[in-house]
PDB file of N, CA and C in Angstrom:
ATOM      1  N   MET A   1     -12.020 -23.427  16.465  1.00  0.00           N
ATOM      2  CA  MET A   1     -10.923 -23.000  15.634  1.00  0.00           C
ATOM      3  C   MET A   1      -9.680 -22.876  16.514  1.00  0.00           C
ATOM      4  N   ASP A   2      -8.576 -23.454  16.050  1.00  0.00           N
ATOM      5  CA  ASP A   2      -7.355 -23.390  16.859  1.00  0.00           C
ATOM      6  C   ASP A   2      -6.683 -22.019  16.714  1.00  0.00           C
ATOM      7  N   SER A   3      -5.752 -21.749  17.604  1.00  0.00           N
ATOM      8  CA  SER A   3      -5.139 -20.416  17.647  1.00  0.00           C
ATOM      9  C   SER A   3      -4.316 -20.117  16.395  1.00  0.00           C
ATOM     10  N   ASP A   4      -3.699 -21.134  15.802  1.00  0.00           N
ATOM     11  CA  ASP A   4      -2.911 -20.908  14.590  1.00  0.00           C
ATOM     12  C   ASP A   4      -3.815 -20.499  13.428  1.00  0.00           C
ATOM     13  N   THR A   5      -4.941 -21.167  13.289  1.00  0.00           N
ATOM     14  CA  THR A   5      -5.901 -20.827  12.236  1.00  0.00           C
ATOM     15  C   THR A   5      -6.452 -19.428  12.456  1.00  0.00           C
ATOM     16  N   ARG A   6      -6.779 -19.105  13.682  1.00  0.00           N
ATOM     17  CA  ARG A   6      -7.295 -17.772  14.014  1.00  0.00           C
ATOM     18  C   ARG A   6      -6.249 -16.695  13.683  1.00  0.00           C
ATOM     19  N   ARG A   7      -4.988 -16.954  14.029  1.00  0.00           N
ATOM     20  CA  ARG A   7      -3.906 -16.004  13.751  1.00  0.00           C
ATOM     21  C   ARG A   7      -3.752 -15.788  12.253  1.00  0.00           C
ATOM     22  N   ARG A   8      -3.774 -16.874  11.482  1.00  0.00           N
ATOM     23  CA  ARG A   8      -3.649 -16.750  10.023  1.00  0.00           C
ATOM     24  C   ARG A   8      -4.807 -15.946   9.439  1.00  0.00           C
ATOM     25  N   LYS A   9      -6.013 -16.184   9.931  1.00  0.00           N
ATOM     26  CA  LYS A   9      -7.173 -15.442   9.428  1.00  0.00           C
ATOM     27  C   LYS A   9      -7.071 -13.961   9.785  1.00  0.00           C
ATOM     28  N   GLN A  10      -6.597 -13.659  10.983  1.00  0.00           N
ATOM     29  CA  GLN A  10      -6.415 -12.267  11.383  1.00  0.00           C
ATOM     30  C   GLN A  10      -5.357 -11.598  10.524  1.00  0.00           C
ATOM     31  N   GLN A  11      -4.277 -12.298  10.259  1.00  0.00           N
ATOM     32  CA  GLN A  11      -3.218 -11.745   9.415  1.00  0.00           C
ATOM     33  C   GLN A  11      -3.719 -11.517   7.994  1.00  0.00           C
ATOM     34  N   ALA A  12      -4.507 -12.440   7.470  1.00  0.00           N
ATOM     35  CA  ALA A  12      -5.065 -12.281   6.128  1.00  0.00           C
ATOM     36  C   ALA A  12      -5.984 -11.064   6.080  1.00  0.00           C
ATOM     37  N   LEU A  13      -6.776 -10.862   7.119  1.00  0.00           N
ATOM     38  CA  LEU A  13      -7.668  -9.708   7.174  1.00  0.00           C
ATOM     39  C   LEU A  13      -6.870  -8.404   7.247  1.00  0.00           C
ATOM     40  N   MET A  14      -5.838  -8.365   8.073  1.00  0.00           N
ATOM     41  CA  MET A  14      -5.010  -7.164   8.181  1.00  0.00           C
ATOM     42  C   MET A  14      -4.314  -6.868   6.846  1.00  0.00           C
ATOM     43  N   THR A  15      -3.843  -7.901   6.175  1.00  0.00           N
ATOM     44  CA  THR A  15      -3.201  -7.730   4.874  1.00  0.00           C
ATOM     45  C   THR A  15      -4.208  -7.199   3.859  1.00  0.00           C
ATOM     46  N   GLU A  16      -5.417  -7.737   3.884  1.00  0.00           N
ATOM     47  CA  GLU A  16      -6.459  -7.277   2.972  1.00  0.00           C
ATOM     48  C   GLU A  16      -6.779  -5.804   3.218  1.00  0.00           C
ATOM     49  N   LEU A  17      -6.852  -5.400   4.476  1.00  0.00           N
ATOM     50  CA  LEU A  17      -7.150  -4.006   4.788  1.00  0.00           C
ATOM     51  C   LEU A  17      -6.037  -3.076   4.301  1.00  0.00           C
ATOM     52  N   LEU A  18      -4.795  -3.495   4.470  1.00  0.00           N
ATOM     53  CA  LEU A  18      -3.679  -2.700   3.963  1.00  0.00           C
ATOM     54  C   LEU A  18      -3.740  -2.595   2.440  1.00  0.00           C
ATOM     55  N   GLU A  19      -4.057  -3.704   1.796  1.00  0.00           N
ATOM     56  CA  GLU A  19      -4.149  -3.697   0.344  1.00  0.00           C
ATOM     57  C   GLU A  19      -5.255  -2.762  -0.134  1.00  0.00           C
ATOM     58  N   ARG A  20      -6.352  -2.724   0.587  1.00  0.00           N
ATOM     59  CA  ARG A  20      -7.434  -1.789   0.237  1.00  0.00           C
ATOM     60  C   ARG A  20      -6.976  -0.345   0.365  1.00  0.00           C
ATOM     61  N   LYS A  21      -6.215  -0.034   1.433  1.00  0.00           N
ATOM     62  CA  LYS A  21      -5.683   1.321   1.600  1.00  0.00           C
ATOM     63  C   LYS A  21      -4.766   1.677   0.442  1.00  0.00           C
ATOM     64  N   ILE A  22      -3.930   0.741   0.053  1.00  0.00           N
ATOM     65  CA  ILE A  22      -3.021   0.972  -1.069  1.00  0.00           C
ATOM     66  C   ILE A  22      -3.816   1.204  -2.342  1.00  0.00           C
ATOM     67  N   ARG A  23      -4.814   0.376  -2.583  1.00  0.00           N
ATOM     68  CA  ARG A  23      -5.650   0.500  -3.779  1.00  0.00           C
ATOM     69  C   ARG A  23      -6.326   1.868  -3.831  1.00  0.00           C
ATOM     70  N   LEU A  24      -6.859   2.313  -2.697  1.00  0.00           N
ATOM     71  CA  LEU A  24      -7.514   3.624  -2.657  1.00  0.00           C
ATOM     72  C   LEU A  24      -6.513   4.751  -2.903  1.00  0.00           C
ATOM     73  N   HIS A  25      -5.331   4.623  -2.337  1.00  0.00           N
ATOM     74  CA  HIS A  25      -4.320   5.654  -2.537  1.00  0.00           C
ATOM     75  C   HIS A  25      -3.841   5.662  -3.994  1.00  0.00           C
ATOM     76  N   ALA A  26      -3.685   4.498  -4.597  1.00  0.00           N
ATOM     77  CA  ALA A  26      -3.306   4.425  -6.006  1.00  0.00           C
ATOM     78  C   ALA A  26      -4.385   5.071  -6.883  1.00  0.00           C
ATOM     79  N   GLN A  27      -5.628   4.859  -6.534  1.00  0.00           N
ATOM     80  CA  GLN A  27      -6.731   5.505  -7.275  1.00  0.00           C
ATOM     81  C   GLN A  27      -6.638   7.020  -7.137  1.00  0.00           C
ATOM     82  N   HIS A  28      -6.301   7.481  -5.943  1.00  0.00           N
ATOM     83  CA  HIS A  28      -6.140   8.919  -5.698  1.00  0.00           C
ATOM     84  C   HIS A  28      -5.001   9.481  -6.569  1.00  0.00           C
ATOM     85  N   LEU A  29      -3.884   8.777  -6.639  1.00  0.00           N
ATOM     86  CA  LEU A  29      -2.761   9.219  -7.472  1.00  0.00           C
ATOM     87  C   LEU A  29      -3.166   9.273  -8.943  1.00  0.00           C
ATOM     88  N   TYR A  30      -3.885   8.270  -9.389  1.00  0.00           N
ATOM     89  CA  TYR A  30      -4.384   8.201 -10.763  1.00  0.00           C
ATOM     90  C   TYR A  30      -5.292   9.396 -11.052  1.00  0.00           C
ATOM     91  N   ASP A  31      -6.190   9.682 -10.134  1.00  0.00           N
ATOM     92  CA  ASP A  31      -7.102  10.816 -10.301  1.00  0.00           C
ATOM     93  C   ASP A  31      -6.340  12.142 -10.317  1.00  0.00           C
ATOM     94  N   GLN A  32      -5.336  12.268  -9.455  1.00  0.00           N
ATOM     95  CA  GLN A  32      -4.538  13.496  -9.407  1.00  0.00           C
ATOM     96  C   GLN A  32      -3.808  13.747 -10.723  1.00  0.00           C
ATOM     97  N   ARG A  33      -3.413  12.696 -11.416  1.00  0.00           N
ATOM     98  CA  ARG A  33      -2.717  12.812 -12.692  1.00  0.00           C
ATOM     99  C   ARG A  33      -3.680  13.023 -13.846  1.00  0.00           C
ATOM    100  N   GLY A  34      -4.934  13.210 -13.574  1.00  0.00           N
ATOM    101  CA  GLY A  34      -5.913  13.397 -14.642  1.00  0.00           C
ATOM    102  C   GLY A  34      -6.329  12.105 -15.310  1.00  0.00           C
ATOM    103  N   GLN A  35      -6.213  11.013 -14.610  1.00  0.00           N
ATOM    104  CA  GLN A  35      -6.613   9.679 -15.066  1.00  0.00           C
ATOM    105  C   GLN A  35      -5.909   9.266 -16.356  1.00  0.00           C
ATOM    106  N   THR A  36      -4.634   9.611 -16.443  1.00  0.00           N
ATOM    107  CA  THR A  36      -3.810   9.209 -17.573  1.00  0.00           C
ATOM    108  C   THR A  36      -3.551   7.708 -17.500  1.00  0.00           C
ATOM    109  N   GLU A  37      -3.895   7.004 -18.573  1.00  0.00           N
ATOM    110  CA  GLU A  37      -3.724   5.550 -18.620  1.00  0.00           C
ATOM    111  C   GLU A  37      -2.264   5.170 -18.824  1.00  0.00           C
ATOM    112  N   GLY A  38      -1.937   3.919 -18.485  1.00  0.00           N
ATOM    113  CA  GLY A  38      -0.620   3.373 -18.767  1.00  0.00           C
ATOM    114  C   GLY A  38       0.369   3.444 -17.616  1.00  0.00           C
ATOM    115  N   LEU A  39      -0.047   3.972 -16.476  1.00  0.00           N
ATOM    116  CA  LEU A  39       0.871   4.114 -15.346  1.00  0.00           C
ATOM    117  C   LEU A  39       0.365   3.382 -14.105  1.00  0.00           C
ATOM    118  N   ALA A  40      -0.402   2.331 -14.310  1.00  0.00           N
ATOM    119  CA  ALA A  40      -1.003   1.600 -13.187  1.00  0.00           C
ATOM    120  C   ALA A  40       0.057   1.039 -12.241  1.00  0.00           C
ATOM    121  N   LEU A  41       1.096   0.452 -12.797  1.00  0.00           N
ATOM    122  CA  LEU A  41       2.136  -0.130 -11.950  1.00  0.00           C
ATOM    123  C   LEU A  41       2.850   0.961 -11.157  1.00  0.00           C
ATOM    124  N   GLN A  42       3.155   2.062 -11.809  1.00  0.00           N
ATOM    125  CA  GLN A  42       3.797   3.188 -11.121  1.00  0.00           C
ATOM    126  C   GLN A  42       2.905   3.697  -9.988  1.00  0.00           C
ATOM    127  N   ASP A  43       1.610   3.855 -10.252  1.00  0.00           N
ATOM    128  CA  ASP A  43       0.681   4.307  -9.213  1.00  0.00           C
ATOM    129  C   ASP A  43       0.662   3.324  -8.048  1.00  0.00           C
ATOM    130  N   TRP A  44       0.614   2.027  -8.369  1.00  0.00           N
ATOM    131  CA  TRP A  44       0.549   1.005  -7.316  1.00  0.00           C
ATOM    132  C   TRP A  44       1.803   1.043  -6.449  1.00  0.00           C
ATOM    133  N   VAL A  45       2.978   1.071  -7.090  1.00  0.00           N
ATOM    134  CA  VAL A  45       4.235   1.035  -6.347  1.00  0.00           C
ATOM    135  C   VAL A  45       4.374   2.281  -5.471  1.00  0.00           C
ATOM    136  N   GLU A  46       4.026   3.434  -6.011  1.00  0.00           N
ATOM    137  CA  GLU A  46       4.113   4.670  -5.232  1.00  0.00           C
ATOM    138  C   GLU A  46       3.137   4.638  -4.051  1.00  0.00           C
ATOM    139  N   ALA A  47       1.915   4.202  -4.307  1.00  0.00           N
ATOM    140  CA  ALA A  47       0.912   4.124  -3.237  1.00  0.00           C
ATOM    141  C   ALA A  47       1.341   3.114  -2.178  1.00  0.00           C
ATOM    142  N   GLU A  48       1.835   1.979  -2.605  1.00  0.00           N
ATOM    143  CA  GLU A  48       2.282   0.945  -1.677  1.00  0.00           C
ATOM    144  C   GLU A  48       3.400   1.488  -0.790  1.00  0.00           C
ATOM    145  N   SER A  49       4.344   2.164  -1.394  1.00  0.00           N
ATOM    146  CA  SER A  49       5.462   2.729  -0.644  1.00  0.00           C
ATOM    147  C   SER A  49       4.975   3.754   0.381  1.00  0.00           C
ATOM    148  N   GLN A  50       4.099   4.642  -0.042  1.00  0.00           N
ATOM    149  CA  GLN A  50       3.607   5.688   0.852  1.00  0.00           C
ATOM    150  C   GLN A  50       2.757   5.126   1.990  1.00  0.00           C
ATOM    151  N   VAL A  51       1.904   4.175   1.698  1.00  0.00           N
ATOM    152  CA  VAL A  51       1.045   3.592   2.737  1.00  0.00           C
ATOM    153  C   VAL A  51       1.877   2.774   3.726  1.00  0.00           C
ATOM    154  N   LEU A  52       2.789   1.966   3.207  1.00  0.00           N
ATOM    155  CA  LEU A  52       3.553   1.078   4.082  1.00  0.00           C
ATOM    156  C   LEU A  52       4.586   1.818   4.920  1.00  0.00           C
ATOM    157  N   GLU A  53       5.087   2.951   4.427  1.00  0.00           N
ATOM    158  CA  GLU A  53       6.093   3.687   5.200  1.00  0.00           C
ATOM    159  C   GLU A  53       5.513   4.210   6.505  1.00  0.00           C
ATOM    160  N   LYS A  54       4.197   4.380   6.561  1.00  0.00           N
ATOM    161  CA  LYS A  54       3.534   4.919   7.744  1.00  0.00           C
ATOM    162  C   LYS A  54       2.834   3.845   8.570  1.00  0.00           C
ATOM    163  N   ASN A  55       3.048   2.585   8.248  1.00  0.00           N
ATOM    164  CA  ASN A  55       2.254   1.541   8.882  1.00  0.00           C
ATOM    165  C   ASN A  55       3.135   0.483   9.531  1.00  0.00           C
ATOM    166  N   ASN A  56       2.842   0.194  10.796  1.00  0.00           N
ATOM    167  CA  ASN A  56       3.643  -0.810  11.512  1.00  0.00           C
ATOM    168  C   ASN A  56       3.304  -2.241  11.096  1.00  0.00           C
ATOM    169  N   LEU A  57       2.311  -2.426  10.234  1.00  0.00           N
ATOM    170  CA  LEU A  57       1.978  -3.756   9.725  1.00  0.00           C
ATOM    171  C   LEU A  57       2.656  -4.046   8.387  1.00  0.00           C
ATOM    172  N   ALA A  58       3.533  -3.144   7.952  1.00  0.00           N
ATOM    173  CA  ALA A  58       4.220  -3.317   6.671  1.00  0.00           C
ATOM    174  C   ALA A  58       4.953  -4.657   6.573  1.00  0.00           C
ATOM    175  N   PRO A  59       5.671  -5.095   7.617  1.00  0.00           N
ATOM    176  CA  PRO A  59       6.355  -6.399   7.499  1.00  0.00           C
ATOM    177  C   PRO A  59       5.385  -7.557   7.250  1.00  0.00           C
ATOM    178  N   LEU A  60       4.232  -7.530   7.875  1.00  0.00           N
ATOM    179  CA  LEU A  60       3.224  -8.570   7.665  1.00  0.00           C
ATOM    180  C   LEU A  60       2.738  -8.555   6.214  1.00  0.00           C
ATOM    181  N   TYR A  61       2.466  -7.356   5.703  1.00  0.00           N
ATOM    182  CA  TYR A  61       2.014  -7.221   4.323  1.00  0.00           C
ATOM    183  C   TYR A  61       3.076  -7.744   3.355  1.00  0.00           C
ATOM    184  N   ARG A  62       4.310  -7.317   3.553  1.00  0.00           N
ATOM    185  CA  ARG A  62       5.394  -7.750   2.663  1.00  0.00           C
ATOM    186  C   ARG A  62       5.591  -9.261   2.724  1.00  0.00           C
ATOM    187  N   LYS A  63       5.498  -9.821   3.919  1.00  0.00           N
ATOM    188  CA  LYS A  63       5.656 -11.265   4.071  1.00  0.00           C
ATOM    189  C   LYS A  63       4.540 -12.006   3.325  1.00  0.00           C
ATOM    190  N   SER A  64       3.313 -11.527   3.456  1.00  0.00           N
ATOM    191  CA  SER A  64       2.204 -12.207   2.785  1.00  0.00           C
ATOM    192  C   SER A  64       2.337 -12.109   1.268  1.00  0.00           C
ATOM    193  N   ARG A  65       2.835 -10.969   0.772  1.00  0.00           N
ATOM    194  CA  ARG A  65       3.045 -10.815  -0.663  1.00  0.00           C
ATOM    195  C   ARG A  65       4.157 -11.752  -1.134  1.00  0.00           C
ATOM    196  N   ALA A  66       5.205 -11.885  -0.339  1.00  0.00           N
ATOM    197  CA  ALA A  66       6.319 -12.761  -0.696  1.00  0.00           C
ATOM    198  C   ALA A  66       5.895 -14.223  -0.712  1.00  0.00           C
ATOM    199  N   GLU A  67       4.917 -14.561   0.106  1.00  0.00           N
ATOM    200  CA  GLU A  67       4.420 -15.939   0.159  1.00  0.00           C
ATOM    201  C   GLU A  67       3.457 -16.224  -0.974  1.00  0.00           C
ATOM    202  N   GLY A  68       3.175 -15.225  -1.804  1.00  0.00           N
ATOM    203  CA  GLY A  68       2.358 -15.455  -2.985  1.00  0.00           C
ATOM    204  C   GLY A  68       0.890 -15.139  -2.833  1.00  0.00           C
ATOM    205  N   ARG A  69       0.511 -14.524  -1.734  1.00  0.00           N
ATOM    206  CA  ARG A  69      -0.888 -14.102  -1.623  1.00  0.00           C
ATOM    207  C   ARG A  69      -1.068 -12.900  -2.518  1.00  0.00           C
ATOM    208  N   SER A  70      -2.065 -12.960  -3.382  1.00  0.00           N
ATOM    209  CA  SER A  70      -2.261 -11.886  -4.345  1.00  0.00           C
ATOM    210  C   SER A  70      -3.599 -11.202  -4.128  1.00  0.00           C
ATOM    211  N   SER A  71      -3.806 -10.114  -4.816  1.00  0.00           N
ATOM    212  CA  SER A  71      -5.060  -9.384  -4.694  1.00  0.00           C
ATOM    213  C   SER A  71      -6.243 -10.230  -5.162  1.00  0.00           C
ATOM    214  N   GLU A  72      -6.003 -11.158  -6.109  1.00  0.00           N
ATOM    215  CA  GLU A  72      -7.093 -12.030  -6.564  1.00  0.00           C
ATOM    216  C   GLU A  72      -7.609 -12.892  -5.420  1.00  0.00           C
ATOM    217  N   GLU A  73      -6.716 -13.284  -4.526  1.00  0.00           N
ATOM    218  CA  GLU A  73      -7.096 -14.106  -3.386  1.00  0.00           C
ATOM    219  C   GLU A  73      -8.086 -13.366  -2.485  1.00  0.00           C
ATOM    220  N   PHE A  74      -7.977 -12.038  -2.493  1.00  0.00           N
ATOM    221  CA  PHE A  74      -8.842 -11.227  -1.645  1.00  0.00           C
ATOM    222  C   PHE A  74     -10.026 -10.664  -2.404  1.00  0.00           C
ATOM    223  N   GLY A  75     -10.209 -11.080  -3.650  1.00  0.00           N
ATOM    224  CA  GLY A  75     -11.370 -10.643  -4.417  1.00  0.00           C
ATOM    225  C   GLY A  75     -11.226  -9.264  -5.029  1.00  0.00           C
ATOM    226  N   ALA A  76     -10.014  -8.813  -5.271  1.00  0.00           N
ATOM    227  CA  ALA A  76      -9.806  -7.493  -5.851  1.00  0.00           C
ATOM    228  C   ALA A  76     -10.161  -7.517  -7.328  1.00  0.00           C
ATOM    229  N   SER A  77     -10.435  -6.351  -7.853  1.00  0.00           N
ATOM    230  CA  SER A  77     -10.765  -6.200  -9.258  1.00  0.00           C
ATOM    231  C   SER A  77      -9.549  -6.457 -10.132  1.00  0.00           C
ATOM    232  N   ASP A  78      -9.777  -6.906 -11.374  1.00  0.00           N
ATOM    233  CA  ASP A  78      -8.689  -7.103 -12.311  1.00  0.00           C
ATOM    234  C   ASP A  78      -8.354  -5.822 -13.064  1.00  0.00           C
ATOM    235  N   ASN A  79      -9.202  -4.800 -12.989  1.00  0.00           N
ATOM    236  CA  ASN A  79      -8.942  -3.540 -13.667  1.00  0.00           C
ATOM    237  C   ASN A  79      -7.884  -2.773 -12.906  1.00  0.00           C
ATOM    238  N   ALA A  80      -6.750  -2.530 -13.539  1.00  0.00           N
ATOM    239  CA  ALA A  80      -5.610  -1.915 -12.848  1.00  0.00           C
ATOM    240  C   ALA A  80      -5.944  -0.539 -12.312  1.00  0.00           C
ATOM    241  N   HIS A  81      -6.834   0.206 -12.957  1.00  0.00           N
ATOM    242  CA  HIS A  81      -7.129   1.524 -12.415  1.00  0.00           C
ATOM    243  C   HIS A  81      -8.398   1.552 -11.586  1.00  0.00           C
ATOM    244  N   GLU A  82      -8.872   0.388 -11.249  1.00  0.00           N
ATOM    245  CA  GLU A  82      -9.708   0.286 -10.067  1.00  0.00           C
ATOM    246  C   GLU A  82      -8.756  -0.067  -8.953  1.00  0.00           C
ATOM    247  N   CYS A  83      -7.487  -0.067  -9.302  1.00  0.00           N
ATOM    248  CA  CYS A  83      -6.329  -0.150  -8.431  1.00  0.00           C
ATOM    249  C   CYS A  83      -6.129  -1.484  -7.748  1.00  0.00           C
ATOM    250  N   ALA A  84      -6.411  -2.536  -8.464  1.00  0.00           N
ATOM    251  CA  ALA A  84      -5.929  -3.837  -7.993  1.00  0.00           C
ATOM    252  C   ALA A  84      -4.439  -3.851  -8.249  1.00  0.00           C
ATOM    253  N   ASP A  85      -3.729  -4.728  -7.612  1.00  0.00           N
ATOM    254  CA  ASP A  85      -2.284  -4.822  -7.786  1.00  0.00           C
ATOM    255  C   ASP A  85      -2.012  -5.255  -9.215  1.00  0.00           C
ATOM    256  N   PRO A  86      -1.485  -4.374 -10.068  1.00  0.00           N
ATOM    257  CA  PRO A  86      -1.273  -4.764 -11.453  1.00  0.00           C
ATOM    258  C   PRO A  86      -0.100  -5.727 -11.592  1.00  0.00           C
ATOM    259  N   THR A  87      -0.282  -6.709 -12.450  1.00  0.00           N
ATOM    260  CA  THR A  87       0.805  -7.632 -12.726  1.00  0.00           C
ATOM    261  C   THR A  87       1.679  -7.005 -13.794  1.00  0.00           C
ATOM    262  N   PRO A  88       2.931  -7.447 -13.938  1.00  0.00           N
ATOM    263  CA  PRO A  88       3.790  -6.870 -14.969  1.00  0.00           C
ATOM    264  C   PRO A  88       3.180  -6.931 -16.361  1.00  0.00           C
ATOM    265  N   SER A  89       2.413  -7.981 -16.672  1.00  0.00           N
ATOM    266  CA  SER A  89       1.818  -8.073 -18.006  1.00  0.00           C
ATOM    267  C   SER A  89       0.768  -6.993 -18.216  1.00  0.00           C
ATOM    268  N   GLU A  90       0.040  -6.617 -17.163  1.00  0.00           N
ATOM    269  CA  GLU A  90      -0.951  -5.549 -17.283  1.00  0.00           C
ATOM    270  C   GLU A  90      -0.268  -4.198 -17.416  1.00  0.00           C
ATOM    271  N   ALA A  91       0.931  -4.075 -16.858  1.00  0.00           N
ATOM    272  CA  ALA A  91       1.631  -2.801 -16.878  1.00  0.00           C
ATOM    273  C   ALA A  91       2.522  -2.663 -18.115  1.00  0.00           C
ATOM    274  N   GLY A  92       2.471  -3.656 -18.996  1.00  0.00           N
ATOM    275  CA  GLY A  92       3.239  -3.589 -20.220  1.00  0.00           C
ATOM    276  C   GLY A  92       4.667  -4.086 -20.095  1.00  0.00           C
ATOM    277  N   ALA A  93       4.966  -4.795 -19.034  1.00  0.00           N
ATOM    278  CA  ALA A  93       6.341  -5.296 -18.856  1.00  0.00           C
ATOM    279  C   ALA A  93       6.514  -6.631 -19.539  1.00  0.00           C
TER     280      ALA A  93
END
């Protein structure tokens, strides 16, 4: 495996790990609110902001999201309150 391929795979893994942290934090926010439905996007955005503000890998995560890598690519659940990254259509937009 060449170094460029190895670097891309490492970056994908780091992005996936950050996304998992965000998903878990969004689930925590959802649970704290008494599991009120309809706020999946709000939970995701708040969790993403809080996790990334404390993480030096935030630029890598943002870059991968901008390039179109989605939670589906990493095998995330489609259920928004299992805290996959909700799409605007799931959030009612």
